[in-house]
C-alpha atoms as a PDB file:
ATOM      1  CA  MET A   1      16.948  45.251  62.212  1.00  0.00           C
ATOM      2  CA  LEU A   2      15.557  43.707  65.399  1.00  0.00           C
ATOM      3  CA  GLY A   3      14.908  47.174  66.825  1.00  0.00           C
ATOM      4  CA  ARG A   4      12.956  48.193  63.736  1.00  0.00           C
ATOM      5  CA  MET A   5      10.866  45.020  63.948  1.00  0.00           C
ATOM      6  CA  ASN A   6      10.067  45.687  67.602  1.00  0.00           C
ATOM      7  CA  LEU A   7       9.141  49.292  66.810  1.00  0.00           C
ATOM      8  CA  ALA A   8       6.894  48.160  63.944  1.00  0.00           C
ATOM      9  CA  PHE A   9       5.223  45.638  66.260  1.00  0.00           C
ATOM     10  CA  VAL A  10       4.602  48.280  68.939  1.00  0.00           C
ATOM     11  CA  LEU A  11       3.179  50.753  66.419  1.00  0.00           C
ATOM     12  CA  LYS A  12       0.915  48.058  64.992  1.00  0.00           C
ATOM     13  CA  ARG A  13      -0.402  47.233  68.474  1.00  0.00           C
ATOM     14  CA  LEU A  14      -0.993  50.895  69.272  1.00  0.00           C
ATOM     15  CA  ASP A  15      -2.878  51.304  66.014  1.00  0.00           C
ATOM     16  CA  ALA A  16      -5.069  48.320  66.882  1.00  0.00           C
ATOM     17  CA  TYR A  17      -5.785  49.732  70.363  1.00  0.00           C
ATOM     18  CA  GLU A  18      -6.572  53.145  68.872  1.00  0.00           C
ATOM     19  CA  ARG A  19      -9.121  51.594  66.537  1.00  0.00           C
ATOM     20  CA  LEU A  20     -10.514  49.468  69.379  1.00  0.00           C
ATOM     21  CA  ILE A  21     -11.404  52.574  71.394  1.00  0.00           C
ATOM     22  CA  ARG A  22     -12.456  54.436  68.194  1.00  0.00           C
ATOM     23  CA  LEU A  23     -10.136  57.414  68.548  1.00  0.00           C
ATOM     24  CA  ASP A  24     -10.131  57.401  64.756  1.00  0.00           C
ATOM     25  CA  LYS A  25     -13.913  57.953  64.854  1.00  0.00           C
ATOM     26  CA  PRO A  26     -14.546  60.856  67.246  1.00  0.00           C
ATOM     27  CA  ILE A  27     -18.284  61.170  66.539  1.00  0.00           C
ATOM     28  CA  GLY A  28     -19.039  58.866  69.467  1.00  0.00           C
ATOM     29  CA  ILE A  29     -17.151  61.215  71.780  1.00  0.00           C
ATOM     30  CA  LEU A  30     -19.153  64.183  70.499  1.00  0.00           C
ATOM     31  CA  LEU A  31     -22.477  62.387  70.963  1.00  0.00           C
ATOM     32  CA  LEU A  32     -21.574  61.856  74.621  1.00  0.00           C
ATOM     33  CA  LEU A  33     -19.941  65.241  75.071  1.00  0.00           C
ATOM     34  CA  TRP A  34     -22.660  67.642  73.928  1.00  0.00           C
ATOM     35  CA  PRO A  35     -25.365  66.454  76.379  1.00  0.00           C
ATOM     36  CA  THR A  36     -22.789  66.422  79.175  1.00  0.00           C
ATOM     37  CA  LEU A  37     -21.869  70.012  78.372  1.00  0.00           C
ATOM     38  CA  TRP A  38     -25.579  70.954  78.287  1.00  0.00           C
ATOM     39  CA  ALA A  39     -25.762  69.762  81.879  1.00  0.00           C
ATOM     40  CA  VAL A  40     -22.501  71.366  83.002  1.00  0.00           C
ATOM     41  CA  TRP A  41     -23.554  74.815  81.767  1.00  0.00           C
ATOM     42  CA  ILE A  42     -27.187  74.577  82.908  1.00  0.00           C
ATOM     43  CA  ALA A  43     -26.185  73.267  86.342  1.00  0.00           C
ATOM     44  CA  ALA A  44     -23.657  76.086  86.734  1.00  0.00           C
ATOM     45  CA  ARG A  45     -26.288  78.732  85.848  1.00  0.00           C
ATOM     46  CA  GLY A  46     -23.532  80.571  84.052  1.00  0.00           C
ATOM     47  CA  TRP A  47     -19.893  79.865  83.308  1.00  0.00           C
ATOM     48  CA  PRO A  48     -18.825  76.634  85.032  1.00  0.00           C
ATOM     49  CA  PRO A  49     -15.413  76.289  86.693  1.00  0.00           C
ATOM     50  CA  LYS A  50     -12.767  75.510  84.080  1.00  0.00           C
ATOM     51  CA  ALA A  51     -11.520  72.537  86.081  1.00  0.00           C
ATOM     52  CA  PHE A  52     -14.973  70.958  85.962  1.00  0.00           C
ATOM     53  CA  VAL A  53     -15.184  71.407  82.194  1.00  0.00           C
ATOM     54  CA  ILE A  54     -11.768  69.807  81.700  1.00  0.00           C
ATOM     55  CA  ILE A  55     -12.630  66.865  83.960  1.00  0.00           C
ATOM     56  CA  PHE A  56     -15.935  66.179  82.216  1.00  0.00           C
ATOM     57  CA  VAL A  57     -14.364  66.415  78.759  1.00  0.00           C
ATOM     58  CA  LEU A  58     -11.571  64.041  79.712  1.00  0.00           C
ATOM     59  CA  GLY A  59     -14.018  61.756  81.513  1.00  0.00           C
ATOM     60  CA  THR A  60     -16.210  61.592  78.429  1.00  0.00           C
ATOM     61  CA  VAL A  61     -13.260  60.548  76.252  1.00  0.00           C
ATOM     62  CA  LEU A  62     -12.118  57.923  78.758  1.00  0.00           C
ATOM     63  CA  MET A  63     -15.548  56.411  79.382  1.00  0.00           C
ATOM     64  CA  ARG A  64     -16.326  56.288  75.685  1.00  0.00           C
ATOM     65  CA  SER A  65     -13.017  54.506  75.127  1.00  0.00           C
ATOM     66  CA  ALA A  66     -13.800  52.003  77.866  1.00  0.00           C
ATOM     67  CA  GLY A  67     -17.301  51.492  76.479  1.00  0.00           C
ATOM     68  CA  CYS A  68     -16.020  50.775  72.961  1.00  0.00           C
ATOM     69  CA  ALA A  69     -13.588  48.150  74.251  1.00  0.00           C
ATOM     70  CA  ILE A  70     -16.278  46.416  76.324  1.00  0.00           C
ATOM     71  CA  ASN A  71     -18.772  46.634  73.470  1.00  0.00           C
ATOM     72  CA  ASP A  72     -16.359  44.884  71.110  1.00  0.00           C
ATOM     73  CA  PHE A  73     -15.647  42.250  73.759  1.00  0.00           C
ATOM     74  CA  ALA A  74     -19.376  41.587  74.117  1.00  0.00           C
ATOM     75  CA  ASP A  75     -19.896  41.551  70.325  1.00  0.00           C
ATOM     76  CA  ARG A  76     -16.821  39.486  69.491  1.00  0.00           C
ATOM     77  CA  LYS A  77     -18.934  36.605  68.129  1.00  0.00           C
ATOM     78  CA  PHE A  78     -21.198  38.878  66.085  1.00  0.00           C
ATOM     79  CA  ASP A  79     -18.906  41.559  64.636  1.00  0.00           C
ATOM     80  CA  PRO A  80     -17.089  39.211  62.195  1.00  0.00           C
ATOM     81  CA  HIS A  81     -20.437  38.555  60.491  1.00  0.00           C
ATOM     82  CA  VAL A  82     -21.486  42.196  60.089  1.00  0.00           C
ATOM     83  CA  GLU A  83     -20.216  44.120  57.070  1.00  0.00           C
ATOM     84  CA  ARG A  84     -19.608  47.355  58.986  1.00  0.00           C
ATOM     85  CA  THR A  85     -17.795  45.761  61.934  1.00  0.00           C
ATOM     86  CA  LYS A  86     -15.918  42.802  60.473  1.00  0.00           C
ATOM     87  CA  ASP A  87     -12.662  44.778  60.252  1.00  0.00           C
ATOM     88  CA  ARG A  88     -12.634  45.921  63.882  1.00  0.00           C
ATOM     89  CA  PRO A  89      -9.396  44.829  65.622  1.00  0.00           C
ATOM     90  CA  LEU A  90     -11.005  42.206  67.845  1.00  0.00           C
ATOM     91  CA  ALA A  91     -13.272  40.848  65.102  1.00  0.00           C
ATOM     92  CA  ALA A  92     -10.302  40.652  62.714  1.00  0.00           C
ATOM     93  CA  GLY A  93      -8.144  38.832  65.257  1.00  0.00           C
ATOM     94  CA  GLU A  94      -5.602  41.637  65.640  1.00  0.00           C
ATOM     95  CA  ILE A  95      -6.060  41.620  69.422  1.00  0.00           C
ATOM     96  CA  THR A  96      -7.401  39.056  71.887  1.00  0.00           C
ATOM     97  CA  PRO A  97     -10.613  39.258  73.956  1.00  0.00           C
ATOM     98  CA  ALA A  98      -8.497  39.490  77.102  1.00  0.00           C
ATOM     99  CA  GLU A  99      -6.684  42.516  75.686  1.00  0.00           C
ATOM    100  CA  ALA A 100      -9.964  44.240  74.831  1.00  0.00           C
ATOM    101  CA  LEU A 101     -11.288  43.579  78.333  1.00  0.00           C
ATOM    102  CA  GLY A 102      -8.048  44.860  79.850  1.00  0.00           C
ATOM    103  CA  VAL A 103      -8.211  48.051  77.799  1.00  0.00           C
ATOM    104  CA  GLY A 104     -11.799  48.620  78.939  1.00  0.00           C
ATOM    105  CA  VAL A 105     -10.873  48.194  82.600  1.00  0.00           C
ATOM    106  CA  PHE A 106      -7.824  50.456  82.221  1.00  0.00           C
ATOM    107  CA  PHE A 107      -9.781  53.400  80.772  1.00  0.00           C
ATOM    108  CA  ALA A 108     -12.638  52.938  83.245  1.00  0.00           C
ATOM    109  CA  LEU A 109     -10.141  53.181  86.120  1.00  0.00           C
ATOM    110  CA  LEU A 110      -8.649  56.349  84.648  1.00  0.00           C
ATOM    111  CA  ALA A 111     -12.130  57.865  84.428  1.00  0.00           C
ATOM    112  CA  PHE A 112     -12.825  56.917  88.052  1.00  0.00           C
ATOM    113  CA  LEU A 113      -9.670  58.705  89.185  1.00  0.00           C
ATOM    114  CA  LEU A 114     -11.075  61.907  87.690  1.00  0.00           C
ATOM    115  CA  VAL A 115     -14.345  61.470  89.582  1.00  0.00           C
ATOM    116  CA  LEU A 116     -12.420  61.498  92.874  1.00  0.00           C
ATOM    117  CA  PHE A 117     -12.057  65.276  92.458  1.00  0.00           C
ATOM    118  CA  PHE A 118     -15.839  65.602  92.901  1.00  0.00           C
ATOM    119  CA  ASN A 119     -18.131  65.272  95.914  1.00  0.00           C
ATOM    120  CA  ARG A 120     -19.519  62.095  97.472  1.00  0.00           C
ATOM    121  CA  LEU A 121     -22.783  62.122  95.491  1.00  0.00           C
ATOM    122  CA  ALA A 122     -20.930  62.321  92.170  1.00  0.00           C
ATOM    123  CA  ILE A 123     -18.603  59.511  93.223  1.00  0.00           C
ATOM    124  CA  LEU A 124     -21.542  57.283  94.155  1.00  0.00           C
ATOM    125  CA  LEU A 125     -23.249  58.042  90.842  1.00  0.00           C
ATOM    126  CA  SER A 126     -20.087  57.043  88.981  1.00  0.00           C
ATOM    127  CA  PHE A 127     -20.616  53.429  90.077  1.00  0.00           C
ATOM    128  CA  VAL A 128     -24.140  53.506  88.650  1.00  0.00           C
ATOM    129  CA  ALA A 129     -22.805  55.035  85.433  1.00  0.00           C
ATOM    130  CA  LEU A 130     -20.182  52.308  85.147  1.00  0.00           C
ATOM    131  CA  ALA A 131     -22.724  49.533  85.704  1.00  0.00           C
ATOM    132  CA  ILE A 132     -25.081  50.934  83.051  1.00  0.00           C
ATOM    133  CA  ALA A 133     -22.298  51.540  80.511  1.00  0.00           C
ATOM    134  CA  TRP A 134     -20.835  48.058  80.908  1.00  0.00           C
ATOM    135  CA  SER A 135     -24.185  46.284  80.831  1.00  0.00           C
ATOM    136  CA  TYR A 136     -25.408  48.012  77.652  1.00  0.00           C
ATOM    137  CA  PRO A 137     -23.645  45.690  75.160  1.00  0.00           C
ATOM    138  CA  PHE A 138     -25.418  42.725  76.747  1.00  0.00           C
ATOM    139  CA  VAL A 139     -28.841  44.407  77.056  1.00  0.00           C
ATOM    140  CA  LYS A 140     -29.226  44.582  73.279  1.00  0.00           C
ATOM    141  CA  ARG A 141     -29.415  40.796  73.226  1.00  0.00           C
ATOM    142  CA  VAL A 142     -32.737  40.765  75.099  1.00  0.00           C
ATOM    143  CA  PHE A 143     -34.265  44.276  74.901  1.00  0.00           C
ATOM    144  CA  ALA A 144     -36.267  45.268  71.817  1.00  0.00           C
ATOM    145  CA  LEU A 145     -35.308  48.951  72.180  1.00  0.00           C
ATOM    146  CA  PRO A 146     -31.679  48.959  73.374  1.00  0.00           C
ATOM    147  CA  GLN A 147     -31.212  52.497  72.058  1.00  0.00           C
ATOM    148  CA  ALA A 148     -33.261  53.765  75.016  1.00  0.00           C
ATOM    149  CA  TYR A 149     -30.850  52.061  77.403  1.00  0.00           C
ATOM    150  CA  LEU A 150     -27.991  53.556  75.392  1.00  0.00           C
ATOM    151  CA  GLY A 151     -29.494  57.003  75.954  1.00  0.00           C
ATOM    152  CA  ILE A 152     -29.248  56.487  79.705  1.00  0.00           C
ATOM    153  CA  ALA A 153     -25.706  55.130  79.424  1.00  0.00           C
ATOM    154  CA  PHE A 154     -24.579  57.958  77.135  1.00  0.00           C
ATOM    155  CA  GLY A 155     -26.379  60.560  79.223  1.00  0.00           C
ATOM    156  CA  PHE A 156     -25.268  59.645  82.723  1.00  0.00           C
ATOM    157  CA  GLY A 157     -22.783  62.484  82.629  1.00  0.00           C
ATOM    158  CA  ILE A 158     -25.875  64.685  83.082  1.00  0.00           C
ATOM    159  CA  PRO A 159     -26.774  63.671  86.652  1.00  0.00           C
ATOM    160  CA  MET A 160     -23.077  63.503  87.479  1.00  0.00           C
ATOM    161  CA  ALA A 161     -22.668  67.115  86.334  1.00  0.00           C
ATOM    162  CA  PHE A 162     -25.526  68.296  88.538  1.00  0.00           C
ATOM    163  CA  ALA A 163     -24.215  66.242  91.454  1.00  0.00           C
ATOM    164  CA  ALA A 164     -20.709  67.660  91.071  1.00  0.00           C
ATOM    165  CA  ILE A 165     -21.772  71.284  90.593  1.00  0.00           C
ATOM    166  CA  GLN A 166     -24.970  71.612  92.653  1.00  0.00           C
ATOM    167  CA  GLY A 167     -24.676  68.643  95.005  1.00  0.00           C
ATOM    168  CA  ARG A 168     -28.241  67.618  94.125  1.00  0.00           C
ATOM    169  CA  LEU A 169     -30.350  66.216  91.291  1.00  0.00           C
ATOM    170  CA  PRO A 170     -33.137  68.722  90.467  1.00  0.00           C
ATOM    171  CA  TRP A 171     -35.992  68.128  88.030  1.00  0.00           C
ATOM    172  CA  GLU A 172     -34.129  69.710  85.103  1.00  0.00           C
ATOM    173  CA  CYS A 173     -31.418  67.066  85.517  1.00  0.00           C
ATOM    174  CA  TRP A 174     -33.933  64.309  84.801  1.00  0.00           C
ATOM    175  CA  ALA A 175     -35.577  66.331  82.028  1.00  0.00           C
ATOM    176  CA  LEU A 176     -32.181  66.645  80.330  1.00  0.00           C
ATOM    177  CA  LEU A 177     -31.602  62.917  80.719  1.00  0.00           C
ATOM    178  CA  ALA A 178     -35.011  62.235  79.137  1.00  0.00           C
ATOM    179  CA  ALA A 179     -34.112  64.555  76.248  1.00  0.00           C
ATOM    180  CA  ASN A 180     -30.884  62.643  75.767  1.00  0.00           C
ATOM    181  CA  VAL A 181     -32.725  59.314  75.710  1.00  0.00           C
ATOM    182  CA  PHE A 182     -34.840  60.554  72.797  1.00  0.00           C
ATOM    183  CA  TYR A 183     -31.708  62.002  71.154  1.00  0.00           C
ATOM    184  CA  ALA A 184     -29.938  58.634  71.433  1.00  0.00           C
ATOM    185  CA  ILE A 185     -32.906  56.684  70.096  1.00  0.00           C
ATOM    186  CA  GLY A 186     -32.942  59.048  67.116  1.00  0.00           C
ATOM    187  CA  TYR A 187     -29.301  58.876  66.102  1.00  0.00           C
ATOM    188  CA  ASP A 188     -28.711  55.266  67.075  1.00  0.00           C
ATOM    189  CA  THR A 189     -31.752  54.126  65.113  1.00  0.00           C
ATOM    190  CA  GLU A 190     -30.137  55.754  62.080  1.00  0.00           C
ATOM    191  CA  TYR A 191     -27.021  53.769  62.969  1.00  0.00           C
ATOM    192  CA  ALA A 192     -29.065  50.567  63.352  1.00  0.00           C
ATOM    193  CA  MET A 193     -30.690  51.134  59.963  1.00  0.00           C
ATOM    194  CA  VAL A 194     -27.231  50.605  58.463  1.00  0.00           C
ATOM    195  CA  ASP A 195     -26.977  47.101  59.936  1.00  0.00           C
ATOM    196  CA  ARG A 196     -30.641  46.136  59.651  1.00  0.00           C
ATOM    197  CA  ASP A 197     -30.136  43.145  57.327  1.00  0.00           C
ATOM    198  CA  ASP A 198     -27.132  41.788  59.246  1.00  0.00           C
ATOM    199  CA  ASP A 199     -28.857  42.215  62.616  1.00  0.00           C
ATOM    200  CA  ARG A 200     -31.974  40.419  61.383  1.00  0.00           C
ATOM    201  CA  LYS A 201     -29.887  37.434  60.275  1.00  0.00           C
ATOM    202  CA  LEU A 202     -27.980  37.314  63.564  1.00  0.00           C
ATOM    203  CA  GLY A 203     -31.054  37.775  65.737  1.00  0.00           C
ATOM    204  CA  ILE A 204     -29.785  41.004  67.317  1.00  0.00           C
ATOM    205  CA  ARG A 205     -32.523  43.329  68.547  1.00  0.00           C
ATOM    206  CA  THR A 206     -32.424  46.981  67.515  1.00  0.00           C
ATOM    207  CA  SER A 207     -34.840  49.874  67.292  1.00  0.00           C
ATOM    208  CA  ALA A 208     -34.605  49.790  63.482  1.00  0.00           C
ATOM    209  CA  LEU A 209     -36.103  46.285  63.506  1.00  0.00           C
ATOM    210  CA  THR A 210     -38.589  47.108  66.268  1.00  0.00           C
ATOM    211  CA  PHE A 211     -39.932  50.206  64.491  1.00  0.00           C
ATOM    212  CA  GLY A 212     -40.063  48.371  61.166  1.00  0.00           C
ATOM    213  CA  ARG A 213     -41.613  50.444  58.390  1.00  0.00           C
ATOM    214  CA  TRP A 214     -42.161  53.298  60.858  1.00  0.00           C
ATOM    215  CA  ASP A 215     -38.429  53.721  61.431  1.00  0.00           C
ATOM    216  CA  VAL A 216     -38.090  57.052  59.607  1.00  0.00           C
ATOM    217  CA  ALA A 217     -41.081  58.541  61.426  1.00  0.00           C
ATOM    218  CA  ALA A 218     -39.766  57.232  64.749  1.00  0.00           C
ATOM    219  CA  VAL A 219     -36.355  58.839  64.226  1.00  0.00           C
ATOM    220  CA  LEU A 220     -37.856  62.234  63.428  1.00  0.00           C
ATOM    221  CA  LEU A 221     -40.348  62.028  66.318  1.00  0.00           C
ATOM    222  CA  CYS A 222     -37.545  61.200  68.757  1.00  0.00           C
ATOM    223  CA  TYR A 223     -35.463  64.135  67.596  1.00  0.00           C
ATOM    224  CA  CYS A 224     -38.532  66.389  67.881  1.00  0.00           C
ATOM    225  CA  ALA A 225     -39.314  65.088  71.381  1.00  0.00           C
ATOM    226  CA  MET A 226     -35.760  65.901  72.420  1.00  0.00           C
ATOM    227  CA  LEU A 227     -36.060  69.457  71.113  1.00  0.00           C
ATOM    228  CA  VAL A 228     -39.484  69.976  72.727  1.00  0.00           C
ATOM    229  CA  ILE A 229     -38.078  68.906  76.095  1.00  0.00           C
ATOM    230  CA  MET A 230     -35.111  71.230  75.682  1.00  0.00           C
ATOM    231  CA  ALA A 231     -37.430  74.103  74.759  1.00  0.00           C
ATOM    232  CA  GLY A 232     -39.587  73.309  77.798  1.00  0.00           C
ATOM    233  CA  ILE A 233     -36.572  73.390  80.098  1.00  0.00           C
ATOM    234  CA  GLY A 234     -35.645  76.781  78.705  1.00  0.00           C
ATOM    235  CA  PHE A 235     -39.196  78.088  79.179  1.00  0.00           C
ATOM    236  CA  VAL A 236     -39.534  76.940  82.798  1.00  0.00           C
ATOM    237  CA  LEU A 237     -36.055  78.158  83.753  1.00  0.00           C
ATOM    238  CA  ARG A 238     -36.693  81.432  81.892  1.00  0.00           C
ATOM    239  CA  PHE A 239     -33.732  81.231  79.574  1.00  0.00           C
ATOM    240  CA  PRO A 240     -33.329  84.354  77.398  1.00  0.00           C
ATOM    241  CA  TRP A 241     -34.479  84.304  73.784  1.00  0.00           C
ATOM    242  CA  PRO A 242     -31.042  83.594  72.194  1.00  0.00           C
ATOM    243  CA  TYR A 243     -31.239  80.113  73.723  1.00  0.00           C
ATOM    244  CA  TYR A 244     -34.038  79.223  71.302  1.00  0.00           C
ATOM    245  CA  ILE A 245     -31.867  80.046  68.292  1.00  0.00           C
ATOM    246  CA  GLY A 246     -30.024  76.812  68.998  1.00  0.00           C
ATOM    247  CA  ILE A 247     -33.315  74.900  69.168  1.00  0.00           C
ATOM    248  CA  VAL A 248     -34.421  76.362  65.825  1.00  0.00           C
ATOM    249  CA  VAL A 249     -31.094  75.542  64.166  1.00  0.00           C
ATOM    250  CA  ALA A 250     -31.260  71.977  65.489  1.00  0.00           C
ATOM    251  CA  ALA A 251     -34.816  71.637  64.167  1.00  0.00           C
ATOM    252  CA  ALA A 252     -33.706  72.894  60.753  1.00  0.00           C
ATOM    253  CA  LEU A 253     -31.044  70.178  60.647  1.00  0.00           C
ATOM    254  CA  LEU A 254     -33.780  67.551  60.826  1.00  0.00           C
ATOM    255  CA  VAL A 255     -34.728  68.313  57.223  1.00  0.00           C
ATOM    256  CA  ASP A 256     -31.334  66.995  56.120  1.00  0.00           C
ATOM    257  CA  HIS A 257     -31.793  63.879  58.258  1.00  0.00           C
ATOM    258  CA  TRP A 258     -35.210  63.197  56.768  1.00  0.00           C
ATOM    259  CA  ARG A 259     -33.811  63.643  53.273  1.00  0.00           C
ATOM    260  CA  LEU A 260     -31.117  61.061  53.926  1.00  0.00           C
ATOM    261  CA  ILE A 261     -32.883  58.344  55.917  1.00  0.00           C
ATOM    262  CA  ARG A 262     -36.095  58.287  53.892  1.00  0.00           C
ATOM    263  CA  THR A 263     -34.174  56.335  51.228  1.00  0.00           C
ATOM    264  CA  ARG A 264     -33.230  53.709  53.848  1.00  0.00           C
ATOM    265  CA  LYS A 265     -30.021  53.161  51.912  1.00  0.00           C
ATOM    266  CA  ARG A 266     -27.119  51.946  54.047  1.00  0.00           C
ATOM    267  CA  GLU A 267     -24.770  54.741  52.963  1.00  0.00           C
ATOM    268  CA  ASP A 268     -27.351  57.499  53.449  1.00  0.00           C
ATOM    269  CA  CYS A 269     -28.381  56.282  56.889  1.00  0.00           C
ATOM    270  CA  PHE A 270     -24.758  56.139  57.971  1.00  0.00           C
ATOM    271  CA  ARG A 271     -24.211  59.638  56.607  1.00  0.00           C
ATOM    272  CA  ALA A 272     -27.176  60.871  58.650  1.00  0.00           C
ATOM    273  CA  PHE A 273     -25.763  59.247  61.775  1.00  0.00           C
ATOM    274  CA  ARG A 274     -22.383  60.894  61.231  1.00  0.00           C
ATOM    275  CA  ARG A 275     -24.121  64.277  61.085  1.00  0.00           C
ATOM    276  CA  SER A 276     -26.265  63.705  64.182  1.00  0.00           C
ATOM    277  CA  HIS A 277     -23.775  65.306  66.557  1.00  0.00           C
ATOM    278  CA  TRP A 278     -24.489  68.688  64.945  1.00  0.00           C
ATOM    279  CA  ILE A 279     -27.968  68.608  66.494  1.00  0.00           C
ATOM    280  CA  GLY A 280     -26.458  68.336  69.969  1.00  0.00           C
ATOM    281  CA  ALA A 281     -23.898  71.000  69.074  1.00  0.00           C
ATOM    282  CA  ALA A 282     -26.646  73.395  67.960  1.00  0.00           C
ATOM    283  CA  VAL A 283     -28.464  72.960  71.282  1.00  0.00           C
ATOM    284  CA  PHE A 284     -25.231  73.605  73.182  1.00  0.00           C
ATOM    285  CA  GLY A 285     -24.675  76.682  71.042  1.00  0.00           C
ATOM    286  CA  GLY A 286     -28.085  77.924  72.160  1.00  0.00           C
ATOM    287  CA  ILE A 287     -27.146  77.371  75.804  1.00  0.00           C
ATOM    288  CA  LEU A 288     -23.844  79.173  75.336  1.00  0.00           C
ATOM    289  CA  LEU A 289     -25.074  82.102  73.211  1.00  0.00           C
ATOM    290  CA  PRO A 290     -26.927  84.075  75.945  1.00  0.00           C
ATOM    291  CA  ARG A 291     -23.858  83.866  78.177  1.00  0.00           C
ATOM    292  CA  VAL A 292     -21.565  85.048  75.389  1.00  0.00           C
ATOM    293  CA  LEU A 293     -23.860  87.971  74.565  1.00  0.00           C
ATOM    294  CA  HIS A 294     -24.038  88.890  78.247  1.00  0.00           C
ATOM    295  CA  GLU A 295     -20.238  88.993  78.443  1.00  0.00           C
ATOM    296  CA  ILE A 296     -20.063  91.179  75.331  1.00  0.00           C
ATOM    297  CA  ARG A 297     -22.466  93.656  76.863  1.00  0.00           C
END
């Protein structure tokens, strides 16, 4: 009997930790992963080394896990008062703030161990990435457009990919990061539209509140800006025409987003956010398609 109770306790703790780092909600991983993979493939100018792909995929999962734990630690006094977040493990009292902080440190250290396989520039950039990722939860207390800061935090795998593969940070690296900033403002504003009423009451600053009645237009403009930048990168680097199929598909997906968020209903906005990773996936498909066709030929 005692053994069963201990096993039940362990499983309950593991479940709480899993929900803390959002492994049950993989969309956050995908939103980080697609832009990172854009950079890995573009930096490689072809097929990147398999080891690099594996490291960046694992690093994305680990850093997202660390970021979720730190975010919940920073929001521990706010989450219990927000409908969408009140059942999170820390907000519900299933784990302690110290545990959440410890989990964040643990996954950040694991991610750093992966970076040690890269060159000196990538290792140095990892410290910048860590500082930005860990400061984001606190920035949204004072910055009227925290989603822009999130775009940098979520997109720092881009300069790290160029550093690891090319050993330098060319202009297209920064163009990709700019595209990701607009991408993040777009999808995270949809996310913020879900919590608009709760955030207003709590005094939390978000892009949904900053944009006000122009929120729908702002989301669509940000997505469009991201796609224009990606198309421009392809034009300057002379990517073959199949690359633009991904851009066109991503643009077509915006119609569905407009249809959902124009209602400003909580459920519809959240549904749009959950579909936002397909835009990044379509762009990656465009990057991958010319290489696949070349191999077939």
